[in-house]
Every structure is written in structure tokens, then in C-alpha cells.
Amino acid sequence: QVYLKAPMILNGVCVIWRGWIDLHRLDGMGCLEYDDERAQHEDALAQAAFEEARRRTRDFEDRDRSHREDLEPRRQQDPSPGSNMGNTDDHKMR
């Protein structure tokens, strides 16, 4: 008989499979146990990743807002060519 202890994540839950296998008959028995220590570690990693994604999103939104605010005065002072057609007689086909 070989005794095994295998930590894994099963359907999003941290568990440890503990059991034994008979090497001659290739059968055995085991059970799943909740792995609280690993679950806390995985939760901390997930929270850190979530906070990092939130920070990056906030930074992107701040840069985007700043960029829009910088462009707004320029649009009011110097309209882009073509947006204000001016004298439409110049563009008519004769």
C-alpha cells in the first residue's frame, strides 16, 4: 500500500486528497479534506490580483480623463480642419 496526500483545487475549493492505493490490485480509498491554510493563501493572492486590476483601471481612467481635459481647450481654440466647412461655395461642384 502507498499512502498519498495530494493538495488540489477542486471546483474552486482548496482541498487535500488523503488516501491509500494498493499497488497490486490498483484500488484504494481516500477522502477530501478542506485545506484552510491553502484557501487563505489563495484568497490573499486573489485579493491582491483584484486590487491590482482595480488600481490599473483607476489609473487608466485618470489618464483618460486628464487627456480629455487637456484636449478640450484645444478643440475650443483650434477647430480641426474640415469640421467647420466655412464657405460652402468653394466645395460645390460646378
PDB file of N, CA and C in Angstrom:
ATOM      1  N   GLN A   1       0.832  -1.192   0.000  1.00  0.00           N
ATOM      2  CA  GLN A   1       0.000   0.000   0.000  1.00  0.00           C
ATOM      3  C   GLN A   1       0.867   1.242   0.000  1.00  0.00           C
ATOM      4  N   VAL A   2       0.380   2.243  -0.735  1.00  0.00           N
ATOM      5  CA  VAL A   2       1.046   3.543  -0.780  1.00  0.00           C
ATOM      6  C   VAL A   2       0.063   4.572  -0.252  1.00  0.00           C
ATOM      7  N   TYR A   3       0.505   5.370   0.704  1.00  0.00           N
ATOM      8  CA  TYR A   3      -0.335   6.418   1.264  1.00  0.00           C
ATOM      9  C   TYR A   3      -0.014   7.727   0.564  1.00  0.00           C
ATOM     10  N   LEU A   4      -1.055   8.442   0.206  1.00  0.00           N
ATOM     11  CA  LEU A   4      -0.884   9.685  -0.553  1.00  0.00           C
ATOM     12  C   LEU A   4      -1.579  10.845   0.143  1.00  0.00           C
ATOM     13  N   LYS A   5      -1.005  12.013  -0.079  1.00  0.00           N
ATOM     14  CA  LYS A   5      -1.597  13.270   0.362  1.00  0.00           C
ATOM     15  C   LYS A   5      -1.373  14.242  -0.786  1.00  0.00           C
ATOM     16  N   ALA A   6      -2.458  14.660  -1.447  1.00  0.00           N
ATOM     17  CA  ALA A   6      -2.331  15.488  -2.649  1.00  0.00           C
ATOM     18  C   ALA A   6      -3.194  16.741  -2.528  1.00  0.00           C
ATOM     19  N   PRO A   7      -2.553  17.913  -2.356  1.00  0.00           N
ATOM     20  CA  PRO A   7      -3.336  19.150  -2.332  1.00  0.00           C
ATOM     21  C   PRO A   7      -3.779  19.519  -3.752  1.00  0.00           C
ATOM     22  N   MET A   8      -4.995  20.059  -3.865  1.00  0.00           N
ATOM     23  CA  MET A   8      -5.509  20.470  -5.177  1.00  0.00           C
ATOM     24  C   MET A   8      -6.635  21.472  -4.982  1.00  0.00           C
ATOM     25  N   ILE A   9      -7.005  22.105  -6.080  1.00  0.00           N
ATOM     26  CA  ILE A   9      -8.174  22.980  -6.089  1.00  0.00           C
ATOM     27  C   ILE A   9      -9.229  22.272  -6.916  1.00  0.00           C
ATOM     28  N   LEU A  10     -10.328  21.937  -6.291  1.00  0.00           N
ATOM     29  CA  LEU A  10     -11.396  21.179  -6.922  1.00  0.00           C
ATOM     30  C   LEU A  10     -12.642  22.056  -6.957  1.00  0.00           C
ATOM     31  N   ASN A  11     -13.077  22.409  -8.175  1.00  0.00           N
ATOM     32  CA  ASN A  11     -14.233  23.298  -8.346  1.00  0.00           C
ATOM     33  C   ASN A  11     -14.075  24.595  -7.559  1.00  0.00           C
ATOM     34  N   GLY A  12     -12.865  25.128  -7.545  1.00  0.00           N
ATOM     35  CA  GLY A  12     -12.607  26.398  -6.870  1.00  0.00           C
ATOM     36  C   GLY A  12     -12.439  26.298  -5.368  1.00  0.00           C
ATOM     37  N   VAL A  13     -12.380  25.096  -4.835  1.00  0.00           N
ATOM     38  CA  VAL A  13     -12.236  24.899  -3.386  1.00  0.00           C
ATOM     39  C   VAL A  13     -10.909  24.200  -3.125  1.00  0.00           C
ATOM     40  N   CYS A  14     -10.128  24.747  -2.200  1.00  0.00           N
ATOM     41  CA  CYS A  14      -8.843  24.135  -1.851  1.00  0.00           C
ATOM     42  C   CYS A  14      -9.089  22.914  -0.958  1.00  0.00           C
ATOM     43  N   VAL A  15      -8.617  21.776  -1.426  1.00  0.00           N
ATOM     44  CA  VAL A  15      -8.808  20.532  -0.682  1.00  0.00           C
ATOM     45  C   VAL A  15      -7.506  19.728  -0.683  1.00  0.00           C
ATOM     46  N   ILE A  16      -7.465  18.740   0.195  1.00  0.00           N
ATOM     47  CA  ILE A  16      -6.363  17.770   0.229  1.00  0.00           C
ATOM     48  C   ILE A  16      -6.997  16.388   0.080  1.00  0.00           C
ATOM     49  N   TRP A  17      -6.521  15.635  -0.901  1.00  0.00           N
ATOM     50  CA  TRP A  17      -6.962  14.252  -1.027  1.00  0.00           C
ATOM     51  C   TRP A  17      -6.006  13.404  -0.198  1.00  0.00           C
ATOM     52  N   ARG A  18      -6.533  12.691   0.764  1.00  0.00           N
ATOM     53  CA  ARG A  18      -5.737  11.797   1.604  1.00  0.00           C
ATOM     54  C   ARG A  18      -6.271  10.385   1.402  1.00  0.00           C
ATOM     55  N   GLY A  19      -5.372   9.480   1.165  1.00  0.00           N
ATOM     56  CA  GLY A  19      -5.821   8.110   0.977  1.00  0.00           C
ATOM     57  C   GLY A  19      -4.674   7.152   0.735  1.00  0.00           C
ATOM     58  N   TRP A  20      -5.054   5.966   0.316  1.00  0.00           N
ATOM     59  CA  TRP A  20      -4.050   4.939   0.039  1.00  0.00           C
ATOM     60  C   TRP A  20      -4.446   4.185  -1.221  1.00  0.00           C
ATOM     61  N   ILE A  21      -3.451   3.599  -1.858  1.00  0.00           N
ATOM     62  CA  ILE A  21      -3.662   2.789  -3.052  1.00  0.00           C
ATOM     63  C   ILE A  21      -2.893   1.481  -2.880  1.00  0.00           C
ATOM     64  N   ASP A  22      -3.539   0.361  -3.161  1.00  0.00           N
ATOM     65  CA  ASP A  22      -2.895  -0.955  -3.163  1.00  0.00           C
ATOM     66  C   ASP A  22      -2.259  -1.126  -4.543  1.00  0.00           C
ATOM     67  N   LEU A  23      -0.950  -1.234  -4.600  1.00  0.00           N
ATOM     68  CA  LEU A  23      -0.242  -1.299  -5.881  1.00  0.00           C
ATOM     69  C   LEU A  23      -0.459  -2.617  -6.617  1.00  0.00           C
ATOM     70  N   HIS A  24      -0.848  -3.666  -5.940  1.00  0.00           N
ATOM     71  CA  HIS A  24      -1.089  -4.946  -6.607  1.00  0.00           C
ATOM     72  C   HIS A  24      -2.485  -5.005  -7.222  1.00  0.00           C
ATOM     73  N   ARG A  25      -3.472  -4.534  -6.505  1.00  0.00           N
ATOM     74  CA  ARG A  25      -4.846  -4.575  -7.012  1.00  0.00           C
ATOM     75  C   ARG A  25      -5.245  -3.274  -7.702  1.00  0.00           C
ATOM     76  N   LEU A  26      -4.445  -2.222  -7.552  1.00  0.00           N
ATOM     77  CA  LEU A  26      -4.713  -0.901  -8.116  1.00  0.00           C
ATOM     78  C   LEU A  26      -6.078  -0.357  -7.684  1.00  0.00           C
ATOM     79  N   ASP A  27      -6.373  -0.553  -6.422  1.00  0.00           N
ATOM     80  CA  ASP A  27      -7.556   0.076  -5.851  1.00  0.00           C
ATOM     81  C   ASP A  27      -7.144   0.716  -4.538  1.00  0.00           C
ATOM     82  N   GLY A  28      -8.040   1.439  -3.948  1.00  0.00           N
ATOM     83  CA  GLY A  28      -7.713   2.096  -2.702  1.00  0.00           C
ATOM     84  C   GLY A  28      -8.886   2.888  -2.185  1.00  0.00           C
ATOM     85  N   MET A  29      -8.592   3.749  -1.256  1.00  0.00           N
ATOM     86  CA  MET A  29      -9.635   4.543  -0.647  1.00  0.00           C
ATOM     87  C   MET A  29      -9.034   5.882  -0.236  1.00  0.00           C
ATOM     88  N   GLY A  30      -9.843   6.903  -0.280  1.00  0.00           N
ATOM     89  CA  GLY A  30      -9.368   8.214   0.119  1.00  0.00           C
ATOM     90  C   GLY A  30     -10.527   9.134   0.437  1.00  0.00           C
ATOM     91  N   CYS A  31     -10.204  10.309   0.879  1.00  0.00           N
ATOM     92  CA  CYS A  31     -11.222  11.302   1.178  1.00  0.00           C
ATOM     93  C   CYS A  31     -10.667  12.690   0.889  1.00  0.00           C
ATOM     94  N   LEU A  32     -11.559  13.635   0.735  1.00  0.00           N
ATOM     95  CA  LEU A  32     -11.189  15.030   0.522  1.00  0.00           C
ATOM     96  C   LEU A  32     -11.370  15.788   1.821  1.00  0.00           C
ATOM     97  N   GLU A  33     -10.376  16.607   2.154  1.00  0.00           N
ATOM     98  CA  GLU A  33     -10.453  17.447   3.345  1.00  0.00           C
ATOM     99  C   GLU A  33     -10.248  18.894   2.923  1.00  0.00           C
ATOM    100  N   TYR A  34     -11.007  19.780   3.516  1.00  0.00           N
ATOM    101  CA  TYR A  34     -10.867  21.209   3.231  1.00  0.00           C
ATOM    102  C   TYR A  34      -9.511  21.682   3.728  1.00  0.00           C
ATOM    103  N   ASP A  35      -8.781  22.416   2.893  1.00  0.00           N
ATOM    104  CA  ASP A  35      -7.445  22.918   3.226  1.00  0.00           C
ATOM    105  C   ASP A  35      -7.542  24.407   3.559  1.00  0.00           C
ATOM    106  N   ASP A  36      -7.769  24.702   4.826  1.00  0.00           N
ATOM    107  CA  ASP A  36      -7.993  26.078   5.259  1.00  0.00           C
ATOM    108  C   ASP A  36      -6.766  26.963   5.027  1.00  0.00           C
ATOM    109  N   GLU A  37      -5.582  26.450   5.313  1.00  0.00           N
ATOM    110  CA  GLU A  37      -4.352  27.241   5.158  1.00  0.00           C
ATOM    111  C   GLU A  37      -4.142  27.647   3.695  1.00  0.00           C
ATOM    112  N   ARG A  38      -4.281  26.690   2.813  1.00  0.00           N
ATOM    113  CA  ARG A  38      -4.103  26.992   1.383  1.00  0.00           C
ATOM    114  C   ARG A  38      -5.227  27.896   0.867  1.00  0.00           C
ATOM    115  N   ALA A  39      -6.430  27.717   1.387  1.00  0.00           N
ATOM    116  CA  ALA A  39      -7.553  28.559   0.982  1.00  0.00           C
ATOM    117  C   ALA A  39      -7.288  30.019   1.352  1.00  0.00           C
ATOM    118  N   GLN A  40      -6.747  30.244   2.534  1.00  0.00           N
ATOM    119  CA  GLN A  40      -6.420  31.620   2.944  1.00  0.00           C
ATOM    120  C   GLN A  40      -5.328  32.198   2.051  1.00  0.00           C
ATOM    121  N   HIS A  41      -4.347  31.390   1.710  1.00  0.00           N
ATOM    122  CA  HIS A  41      -3.267  31.841   0.823  1.00  0.00           C
ATOM    123  C   HIS A  41      -3.821  32.180  -0.563  1.00  0.00           C
ATOM    124  N   GLU A  42      -4.646  31.312  -1.123  1.00  0.00           N
ATOM    125  CA  GLU A  42      -5.241  31.558  -2.443  1.00  0.00           C
ATOM    126  C   GLU A  42      -6.148  32.776  -2.406  1.00  0.00           C
ATOM    127  N   ASP A  43      -6.873  32.968  -1.311  1.00  0.00           N
ATOM    128  CA  ASP A  43      -7.740  34.138  -1.173  1.00  0.00           C
ATOM    129  C   ASP A  43      -6.906  35.417  -1.159  1.00  0.00           C
ATOM    130  N   ALA A  44      -5.783  35.389  -0.452  1.00  0.00           N
ATOM    131  CA  ALA A  44      -4.909  36.568  -0.411  1.00  0.00           C
ATOM    132  C   ALA A  44      -4.361  36.874  -1.808  1.00  0.00           C
ATOM    133  N   LEU A  45      -3.981  35.832  -2.549  1.00  0.00           N
ATOM    134  CA  LEU A  45      -3.496  36.047  -3.925  1.00  0.00           C
ATOM    135  C   LEU A  45      -4.600  36.630  -4.814  1.00  0.00           C
ATOM    136  N   ALA A  46      -5.809  36.121  -4.680  1.00  0.00           N
ATOM    137  CA  ALA A  46      -6.928  36.620  -5.486  1.00  0.00           C
ATOM    138  C   ALA A  46      -7.247  38.064  -5.128  1.00  0.00           C
ATOM    139  N   GLN A  47      -7.224  38.400  -3.839  1.00  0.00           N
ATOM    140  CA  GLN A  47      -7.488  39.775  -3.416  1.00  0.00           C
ATOM    141  C   GLN A  47      -6.421  40.725  -3.948  1.00  0.00           C
ATOM    142  N   ALA A  48      -5.153  40.291  -3.915  1.00  0.00           N
ATOM    143  CA  ALA A  48      -4.070  41.129  -4.437  1.00  0.00           C
ATOM    144  C   ALA A  48      -4.234  41.352  -5.936  1.00  0.00           C
ATOM    145  N   ALA A  49      -4.591  40.311  -6.668  1.00  0.00           N
ATOM    146  CA  ALA A  49      -4.803  40.450  -8.110  1.00  0.00           C
ATOM    147  C   ALA A  49      -5.985  41.370  -8.393  1.00  0.00           C
ATOM    148  N   PHE A  50      -7.043  41.241  -7.610  1.00  0.00           N
ATOM    149  CA  PHE A  50      -8.221  42.092  -7.785  1.00  0.00           C
ATOM    150  C   PHE A  50      -7.874  43.552  -7.516  1.00  0.00           C
ATOM    151  N   GLU A  51      -7.140  43.810  -6.436  1.00  0.00           N
ATOM    152  CA  GLU A  51      -6.744  45.184  -6.110  1.00  0.00           C
ATOM    153  C   GLU A  51      -5.829  45.768  -7.180  1.00  0.00           C
ATOM    154  N   GLU A  52      -4.924  44.948  -7.716  1.00  0.00           N
ATOM    155  CA  GLU A  52      -4.032  45.415  -8.783  1.00  0.00           C
ATOM    156  C   GLU A  52      -4.840  45.776 -10.027  1.00  0.00           C
ATOM    157  N   ALA A  53      -5.821  44.953 -10.371  1.00  0.00           N
ATOM    158  CA  ALA A  53      -6.665  45.255 -11.532  1.00  0.00           C
ATOM    159  C   ALA A  53      -7.475  46.520 -11.280  1.00  0.00           C
ATOM    160  N   ARG A  54      -7.975  46.683 -10.080  1.00  0.00           N
ATOM    161  CA  ARG A  54      -8.731  47.896  -9.740  1.00  0.00           C
ATOM    162  C   ARG A  54      -7.837  49.135  -9.833  1.00  0.00           C
ATOM    163  N   ARG A  55      -6.595  49.030  -9.330  1.00  0.00           N
ATOM    164  CA  ARG A  55      -5.665  50.155  -9.382  1.00  0.00           C
ATOM    165  C   ARG A  55      -5.329  50.519 -10.824  1.00  0.00           C
ATOM    166  N   ARG A  56      -5.080  49.502 -11.657  1.00  0.00           N
ATOM    167  CA  ARG A  56      -4.746  49.764 -13.056  1.00  0.00           C
ATOM    168  C   ARG A  56      -5.928  50.396 -13.795  1.00  0.00           C
ATOM    169  N   THR A  57      -7.148  49.941 -13.492  1.00  0.00           N
ATOM    170  CA  THR A  57      -8.336  50.537 -14.111  1.00  0.00           C
ATOM    171  C   THR A  57      -8.490  51.992 -13.684  1.00  0.00           C
ATOM    172  N   ARG A  58      -8.301  52.261 -12.405  1.00  0.00           N
ATOM    173  CA  ARG A  58      -8.393  53.629 -11.896  1.00  0.00           C
ATOM    174  C   ARG A  58      -7.325  54.518 -12.536  1.00  0.00           C
ATOM    175  N   ASP A  59      -6.094  54.015 -12.658  1.00  0.00           N
ATOM    176  CA  ASP A  59      -5.027  54.785 -13.304  1.00  0.00           C
ATOM    177  C   ASP A  59      -5.367  55.082 -14.756  1.00  0.00           C
ATOM    178  N   PHE A  60      -5.901  54.089 -15.459  1.00  0.00           N
ATOM    179  CA  PHE A  60      -6.280  54.295 -16.852  1.00  0.00           C
ATOM    180  C   PHE A  60      -7.373  55.351 -16.959  1.00  0.00           C
ATOM    181  N   GLU A  61      -8.396  55.256 -16.101  1.00  0.00           N
ATOM    182  CA  GLU A  61      -9.484  56.237 -16.141  1.00  0.00           C
ATOM    183  C   GLU A  61      -8.980  57.634 -15.813  1.00  0.00           C
ATOM    184  N   ASP A  62      -8.049  57.752 -14.858  1.00  0.00           N
ATOM    185  CA  ASP A  62      -7.479  59.061 -14.526  1.00  0.00           C
ATOM    186  C   ASP A  62      -6.696  59.638 -15.701  1.00  0.00           C
ATOM    187  N   ARG A  63      -5.886  58.800 -16.357  1.00  0.00           N
ATOM    188  CA  ARG A  63      -5.133  59.276 -17.533  1.00  0.00           C
ATOM    189  C   ARG A  63      -6.074  59.672 -18.652  1.00  0.00           C
ATOM    190  N   ASP A  64      -7.120  58.883 -18.866  1.00  0.00           N
ATOM    191  CA  ASP A  64      -8.083  59.185 -19.920  1.00  0.00           C
ATOM    192  C   ASP A  64      -8.801  60.496 -19.630  1.00  0.00           C
ATOM    193  N   ARG A  65      -9.224  60.699 -18.394  1.00  0.00           N
ATOM    194  CA  ARG A  65      -9.904  61.939 -18.009  1.00  0.00           C
ATOM    195  C   ARG A  65      -8.963  63.127 -18.191  1.00  0.00           C
ATOM    196  N   SER A  66      -7.721  62.980 -17.750  1.00  0.00           N
ATOM    197  CA  SER A  66      -6.736  64.056 -17.891  1.00  0.00           C
ATOM    198  C   SER A  66      -6.494  64.375 -19.363  1.00  0.00           C
ATOM    199  N   HIS A  67      -6.390  63.339 -20.171  1.00  0.00           N
ATOM    200  CA  HIS A  67      -6.167  63.532 -21.602  1.00  0.00           C
ATOM    201  C   HIS A  67      -7.352  64.268 -22.231  1.00  0.00           C
ATOM    202  N   ARG A  68      -8.561  63.880 -21.877  1.00  0.00           N
ATOM    203  CA  ARG A  68      -9.755  64.551 -22.407  1.00  0.00           C
ATOM    204  C   ARG A  68      -9.796  66.009 -21.968  1.00  0.00           C
ATOM    205  N   GLU A  69      -9.436  66.269 -20.713  1.00  0.00           N
ATOM    206  CA  GLU A  69      -9.430  67.651 -20.219  1.00  0.00           C
ATOM    207  C   GLU A  69      -8.373  68.486 -20.933  1.00  0.00           C
ATOM    208  N   ASP A  70      -7.237  67.871 -21.254  1.00  0.00           N
ATOM    209  CA  ASP A  70      -6.191  68.586 -21.999  1.00  0.00           C
ATOM    210  C   ASP A  70      -6.629  68.889 -23.418  1.00  0.00           C
ATOM    211  N   LEU A  71      -7.371  68.002 -24.039  1.00  0.00           N
ATOM    212  CA  LEU A  71      -7.789  68.196 -25.424  1.00  0.00           C
ATOM    213  C   LEU A  71      -8.949  69.177 -25.555  1.00  0.00           C
ATOM    214  N   GLU A  72      -9.786  69.281 -24.556  1.00  0.00           N
ATOM    215  CA  GLU A  72     -10.985  70.118 -24.655  1.00  0.00           C
ATOM    216  C   GLU A  72     -10.664  71.585 -24.944  1.00  0.00           C
ATOM    217  N   PRO A  73      -9.718  72.228 -24.238  1.00  0.00           N
ATOM    218  CA  PRO A  73      -9.417  73.633 -24.579  1.00  0.00           C
ATOM    219  C   PRO A  73      -8.862  73.781 -25.997  1.00  0.00           C
ATOM    220  N   ARG A  74      -8.106  72.827 -26.470  1.00  0.00           N
ATOM    221  CA  ARG A  74      -7.561  72.886 -27.827  1.00  0.00           C
ATOM    222  C   ARG A  74      -8.675  72.820 -28.862  1.00  0.00           C
ATOM    223  N   ARG A  75      -9.669  72.010 -28.623  1.00  0.00           N
ATOM    224  CA  ARG A  75     -10.789  71.898 -29.554  1.00  0.00           C
ATOM    225  C   ARG A  75     -11.556  73.206 -29.633  1.00  0.00           C
ATOM    226  N   GLN A  76     -11.691  73.877 -28.499  1.00  0.00           N
ATOM    227  CA  GLN A  76     -12.432  75.136 -28.494  1.00  0.00           C
ATOM    228  C   GLN A  76     -11.636  76.235 -29.186  1.00  0.00           C
ATOM    229  N   GLN A  77     -10.308  76.225 -29.079  1.00  0.00           N
ATOM    230  CA  GLN A  77      -9.477  77.263 -29.687  1.00  0.00           C
ATOM    231  C   GLN A  77      -9.221  76.999 -31.158  1.00  0.00           C
ATOM    232  N   ASP A  78      -8.841  75.798 -31.511  1.00  0.00           N
ATOM    233  CA  ASP A  78      -8.464  75.451 -32.883  1.00  0.00           C
ATOM    234  C   ASP A  78      -9.330  74.309 -33.384  1.00  0.00           C
ATOM    235  N   PRO A  79     -10.483  74.618 -33.985  1.00  0.00           N
ATOM    236  CA  PRO A  79     -11.273  73.509 -34.527  1.00  0.00           C
ATOM    237  C   PRO A  79     -10.500  72.814 -35.629  1.00  0.00           C
ATOM    238  N   SER A  80     -10.682  71.547 -35.724  1.00  0.00           N
ATOM    239  CA  SER A  80      -9.934  70.776 -36.722  1.00  0.00           C
ATOM    240  C   SER A  80     -10.419  71.135 -38.119  1.00  0.00           C
ATOM    241  N   PRO A  81      -9.504  71.124 -39.106  1.00  0.00           N
ATOM    242  CA  PRO A  81      -9.911  71.456 -40.468  1.00  0.00           C
ATOM    243  C   PRO A  81     -10.931  70.451 -40.975  1.00  0.00           C
ATOM    244  N   GLY A  82     -11.930  70.972 -41.677  1.00  0.00           N
ATOM    245  CA  GLY A  82     -12.961  70.102 -42.209  1.00  0.00           C
ATOM    246  C   GLY A  82     -14.170  70.026 -41.310  1.00  0.00           C
ATOM    247  N   SER A  83     -13.989  70.275 -40.007  1.00  0.00           N
ATOM    248  CA  SER A  83     -15.142  70.208 -39.124  1.00  0.00           C
ATOM    249  C   SER A  83     -15.995  71.447 -39.267  1.00  0.00           C
ATOM    250  N   ASN A  84     -15.349  72.581 -39.569  1.00  0.00           N
ATOM    251  CA  ASN A  84     -16.073  73.812 -39.813  1.00  0.00           C
ATOM    252  C   ASN A  84     -15.907  74.113 -41.296  1.00  0.00           C
ATOM    253  N   MET A  85     -16.923  73.875 -42.070  1.00  0.00           N
ATOM    254  CA  MET A  85     -16.807  73.945 -43.529  1.00  0.00           C
ATOM    255  C   MET A  85     -16.568  75.360 -44.029  1.00  0.00           C
ATOM    256  N   GLY A  86     -16.897  76.364 -43.240  1.00  0.00           N
ATOM    257  CA  GLY A  86     -16.650  77.734 -43.668  1.00  0.00           C
ATOM    258  C   GLY A  86     -17.513  78.082 -44.871  1.00  0.00           C
ATOM    259  N   ASN A  87     -16.881  78.528 -45.954  1.00  0.00           N
ATOM    260  CA  ASN A  87     -17.607  78.899 -47.169  1.00  0.00           C
ATOM    261  C   ASN A  87     -17.887  77.645 -47.963  1.00  0.00           C
ATOM    262  N   THR A  88     -19.161  77.265 -48.029  1.00  0.00           N
ATOM    263  CA  THR A  88     -19.528  76.033 -48.708  1.00  0.00           C
ATOM    264  C   THR A  88     -19.504  76.208 -50.224  1.00  0.00           C
ATOM    265  N   ASP A  89     -19.442  77.443 -50.709  1.00  0.00           N
ATOM    266  CA  ASP A  89     -19.395  77.673 -52.150  1.00  0.00           C
ATOM    267  C   ASP A  89     -18.116  77.114 -52.763  1.00  0.00           C
ATOM    268  N   ASP A  90     -17.043  77.086 -51.987  1.00  0.00           N
ATOM    269  CA  ASP A  90     -15.761  76.569 -52.505  1.00  0.00           C
ATOM    270  C   ASP A  90     -15.833  75.071 -52.768  1.00  0.00           C
ATOM    271  N   HIS A  91     -16.740  74.388 -52.107  1.00  0.00           N
ATOM    272  CA  HIS A  91     -16.804  72.934 -52.195  1.00  0.00           C
ATOM    273  C   HIS A  91     -17.879  72.444 -53.155  1.00  0.00           C
ATOM    274  N   LYS A  92     -18.638  73.347 -53.750  1.00  0.00           N
ATOM    275  CA  LYS A  92     -19.702  72.922 -54.664  1.00  0.00           C
ATOM    276  C   LYS A  92     -19.107  72.557 -56.000  1.00  0.00           C
ATOM    277  N   MET A  93     -19.680  71.570 -56.619  1.00  0.00           N
ATOM    278  CA  MET A  93     -19.274  71.182 -57.964  1.00  0.00           C
ATOM    279  C   MET A  93     -19.969  72.125 -58.947  1.00  0.00           C
ATOM    280  N   ARG A  94     -19.298  72.568 -59.953  1.00  0.00           N
ATOM    281  CA  ARG A  94     -19.910  73.466 -60.947  1.00  0.00           C
ATOM    282  C   ARG A  94     -20.077  72.761 -62.247  1.00  0.00           C
TER     283      ARG A  94
END
